[in-house]
């Protein structure tokens, strides 16, 4: 079981990780548009990493019978 306080904080962190992923993806799109493919590729990799972080928090909450609430 997971405490409600920890569950709330972890849900907030999921949102933060996803927000970061979107920012990286947005920057990747920009660099792709101006033909800086290397930068775009690196930023897409960073976005995937942030999404992976979010899923670790997601899994941790689920594994402890908590409730994931995406804001």
N, C-alpha and C. Protein backbone atom coordinates (compact mmCIF):
# COMPACT_ATOMS: atom_id res chain seq x y z
N UNK A 1 0.84 -1.19 0.00
CA UNK A 1 0.00 0.00 0.00
C UNK A 1 0.88 1.25 0.00
N UNK A 2 0.39 2.28 -0.62
CA UNK A 2 1.13 3.54 -0.73
C UNK A 2 0.34 4.62 0.01
N UNK A 3 1.03 5.47 0.73
CA UNK A 3 0.32 6.53 1.46
C UNK A 3 -0.25 7.54 0.47
N UNK A 4 -1.32 8.18 0.87
CA UNK A 4 -1.98 9.17 0.00
C UNK A 4 -1.06 10.35 -0.30
N UNK A 5 -0.24 10.73 0.67
CA UNK A 5 0.69 11.84 0.46
C UNK A 5 1.72 11.49 -0.62
N UNK A 6 2.30 10.30 -0.52
CA UNK A 6 3.30 9.86 -1.50
C UNK A 6 2.63 9.67 -2.86
N UNK A 7 1.44 9.09 -2.86
CA UNK A 7 0.70 8.89 -4.11
C UNK A 7 0.47 10.22 -4.82
N UNK A 8 0.06 11.23 -4.07
CA UNK A 8 -0.19 12.56 -4.65
C UNK A 8 1.09 13.15 -5.24
N UNK A 9 2.18 13.05 -4.50
CA UNK A 9 3.45 13.60 -4.98
C UNK A 9 3.94 12.85 -6.21
N UNK A 10 3.76 11.55 -6.22
CA UNK A 10 4.20 10.77 -7.38
C UNK A 10 3.34 11.06 -8.60
N UNK A 11 2.05 11.27 -8.40
CA UNK A 11 1.19 11.65 -9.52
C UNK A 11 1.61 13.01 -10.08
N UNK A 12 1.98 13.92 -9.20
CA UNK A 12 2.47 15.22 -9.66
C UNK A 12 3.76 15.06 -10.46
N UNK A 13 4.61 14.15 -10.03
CA UNK A 13 5.88 13.93 -10.73
C UNK A 13 5.64 13.31 -12.11
N UNK A 14 4.64 12.46 -12.23
CA UNK A 14 4.29 11.91 -13.55
C UNK A 14 3.96 13.06 -14.50
N UNK A 15 3.16 14.00 -14.03
CA UNK A 15 2.79 15.15 -14.85
C UNK A 15 4.03 15.96 -15.22
N UNK A 16 4.93 16.16 -14.26
CA UNK A 16 6.16 16.92 -14.54
C UNK A 16 7.02 16.22 -15.59
N UNK A 17 7.14 14.90 -15.48
CA UNK A 17 7.94 14.15 -16.45
C UNK A 17 7.31 14.23 -17.84
N UNK A 18 6.00 14.11 -17.92
CA UNK A 18 5.32 14.18 -19.22
C UNK A 18 5.44 15.58 -19.81
N UNK A 19 5.34 16.60 -18.97
CA UNK A 19 5.50 17.98 -19.44
C UNK A 19 6.90 18.17 -20.04
N UNK A 20 7.90 17.64 -19.34
CA UNK A 20 9.28 17.74 -19.84
C UNK A 20 9.41 17.03 -21.19
N UNK A 21 8.78 15.87 -21.30
CA UNK A 21 8.83 15.12 -22.56
C UNK A 21 8.23 15.95 -23.70
N UNK A 22 7.11 16.61 -23.44
CA UNK A 22 6.48 17.45 -24.46
C UNK A 22 7.37 18.62 -24.84
N UNK A 23 8.04 19.21 -23.86
CA UNK A 23 8.96 20.32 -24.17
C UNK A 23 10.09 19.85 -25.08
N UNK A 24 10.69 18.71 -24.73
CA UNK A 24 11.76 18.16 -25.57
C UNK A 24 11.25 17.85 -26.97
N UNK A 25 10.06 17.29 -27.05
CA UNK A 25 9.49 16.96 -28.36
C UNK A 25 9.22 18.22 -29.18
N UNK A 26 8.75 19.25 -28.51
CA UNK A 26 8.52 20.53 -29.18
C UNK A 26 9.82 21.11 -29.73
N UNK A 27 10.86 21.05 -28.93
CA UNK A 27 12.16 21.54 -29.39
C UNK A 27 12.69 20.69 -30.53
N UNK A 28 12.46 19.39 -30.46
CA UNK A 28 12.89 18.49 -31.54
C UNK A 28 12.21 18.88 -32.85
N UNK A 29 10.93 19.18 -32.78
CA UNK A 29 10.20 19.58 -33.99
C UNK A 29 10.79 20.86 -34.58
N UNK A 30 11.12 21.80 -33.71
CA UNK A 30 11.71 23.06 -34.18
C UNK A 30 13.04 22.80 -34.89
N UNK A 31 13.91 22.04 -34.26
CA UNK A 31 15.22 21.78 -34.87
C UNK A 31 15.10 20.97 -36.15
N UNK A 32 14.11 20.11 -36.21
CA UNK A 32 13.86 19.37 -37.45
C UNK A 32 13.44 20.33 -38.56
N UNK A 33 12.59 21.29 -38.21
CA UNK A 33 12.11 22.28 -39.19
C UNK A 33 13.25 23.12 -39.77
N UNK A 34 14.25 23.41 -38.94
CA UNK A 34 15.35 24.25 -39.44
C UNK A 34 16.54 23.38 -39.88
N UNK A 35 16.25 22.11 -40.10
CA UNK A 35 17.19 21.16 -40.70
C UNK A 35 18.43 20.90 -39.83
N UNK A 36 18.24 20.89 -38.52
CA UNK A 36 19.30 20.49 -37.61
C UNK A 36 18.92 19.12 -37.05
N UNK A 37 19.06 18.12 -37.89
CA UNK A 37 18.56 16.77 -37.60
C UNK A 37 19.24 16.14 -36.38
N UNK A 38 20.51 16.42 -36.18
CA UNK A 38 21.22 15.86 -35.02
C UNK A 38 20.64 16.35 -33.71
N UNK A 39 20.38 17.65 -33.64
CA UNK A 39 19.74 18.21 -32.45
C UNK A 39 18.35 17.61 -32.26
N UNK A 40 17.61 17.50 -33.35
CA UNK A 40 16.25 16.95 -33.28
C UNK A 40 16.28 15.52 -32.76
N UNK A 41 17.20 14.73 -33.26
CA UNK A 41 17.31 13.34 -32.84
C UNK A 41 17.64 13.24 -31.35
N UNK A 42 18.58 14.06 -30.89
CA UNK A 42 18.97 14.04 -29.48
C UNK A 42 17.80 14.43 -28.59
N UNK A 43 17.05 15.45 -29.00
CA UNK A 43 15.91 15.90 -28.21
C UNK A 43 14.78 14.87 -28.19
N UNK A 44 14.59 14.15 -29.28
CA UNK A 44 13.59 13.06 -29.28
C UNK A 44 14.01 11.97 -28.30
N UNK A 45 15.29 11.69 -28.23
CA UNK A 45 15.79 10.70 -27.27
C UNK A 45 15.54 11.16 -25.84
N UNK A 46 15.73 12.45 -25.59
CA UNK A 46 15.47 12.99 -24.25
C UNK A 46 13.98 12.89 -23.90
N UNK A 47 13.13 13.14 -24.88
CA UNK A 47 11.68 13.03 -24.66
C UNK A 47 11.32 11.60 -24.27
N UNK A 48 11.89 10.63 -24.97
CA UNK A 48 11.61 9.23 -24.64
C UNK A 48 12.08 8.88 -23.23
N UNK A 49 13.21 9.45 -22.84
CA UNK A 49 13.73 9.20 -21.49
C UNK A 49 12.78 9.74 -20.43
N UNK A 50 12.26 10.94 -20.66
CA UNK A 50 11.31 11.53 -19.71
C UNK A 50 10.03 10.69 -19.63
N UNK A 51 9.57 10.19 -20.77
CA UNK A 51 8.39 9.32 -20.77
C UNK A 51 8.66 8.04 -19.99
N UNK A 52 9.87 7.51 -20.11
CA UNK A 52 10.24 6.31 -19.36
C UNK A 52 10.22 6.59 -17.86
N UNK A 53 10.69 7.77 -17.47
CA UNK A 53 10.65 8.15 -16.05
C UNK A 53 9.20 8.17 -15.56
N UNK A 54 8.33 8.79 -16.35
CA UNK A 54 6.92 8.87 -15.97
C UNK A 54 6.32 7.47 -15.79
N UNK A 55 6.67 6.56 -16.68
CA UNK A 55 6.12 5.21 -16.60
C UNK A 55 6.66 4.45 -15.39
N UNK A 56 7.86 4.78 -14.94
CA UNK A 56 8.38 4.15 -13.72
C UNK A 56 7.55 4.57 -12.51
N UNK A 57 7.22 5.86 -12.44
CA UNK A 57 6.36 6.33 -11.36
C UNK A 57 4.97 5.69 -11.46
N UNK A 58 4.46 5.63 -12.67
CA UNK A 58 3.15 5.02 -12.93
C UNK A 58 3.15 3.58 -12.42
N UNK A 59 4.14 2.81 -12.83
CA UNK A 59 4.22 1.42 -12.42
C UNK A 59 4.37 1.26 -10.91
N UNK A 60 5.14 2.14 -10.30
CA UNK A 60 5.34 2.08 -8.85
C UNK A 60 4.02 2.28 -8.12
N UNK A 61 3.24 3.25 -8.56
CA UNK A 61 1.94 3.49 -7.93
C UNK A 61 1.03 2.29 -8.11
N UNK A 62 0.93 1.78 -9.32
CA UNK A 62 0.05 0.64 -9.61
C UNK A 62 0.47 -0.59 -8.81
N UNK A 63 1.78 -0.85 -8.75
CA UNK A 63 2.29 -2.02 -8.04
C UNK A 63 1.95 -1.98 -6.55
N UNK A 64 1.71 -0.80 -6.02
CA UNK A 64 1.40 -0.65 -4.61
C UNK A 64 -0.08 -0.36 -4.37
N UNK A 65 -0.89 -0.75 -5.34
CA UNK A 65 -2.36 -0.63 -5.25
C UNK A 65 -2.82 0.81 -5.07
N UNK A 66 -2.05 1.75 -5.63
CA UNK A 66 -2.44 3.15 -5.58
C UNK A 66 -3.26 3.51 -6.79
N UNK A 67 -3.62 4.77 -6.87
CA UNK A 67 -4.43 5.27 -7.97
C UNK A 67 -3.64 6.31 -8.74
N UNK A 68 -3.47 6.06 -10.03
CA UNK A 68 -2.81 7.03 -10.90
C UNK A 68 -3.86 8.03 -11.35
N UNK A 69 -3.55 9.31 -11.15
CA UNK A 69 -4.44 10.40 -11.59
C UNK A 69 -3.60 11.38 -12.38
N UNK A 70 -3.82 11.37 -13.67
CA UNK A 70 -3.05 12.24 -14.57
C UNK A 70 -3.73 13.60 -14.66
N UNK A 71 -2.96 14.63 -14.33
CA UNK A 71 -3.52 15.98 -14.34
C UNK A 71 -3.27 16.69 -15.63
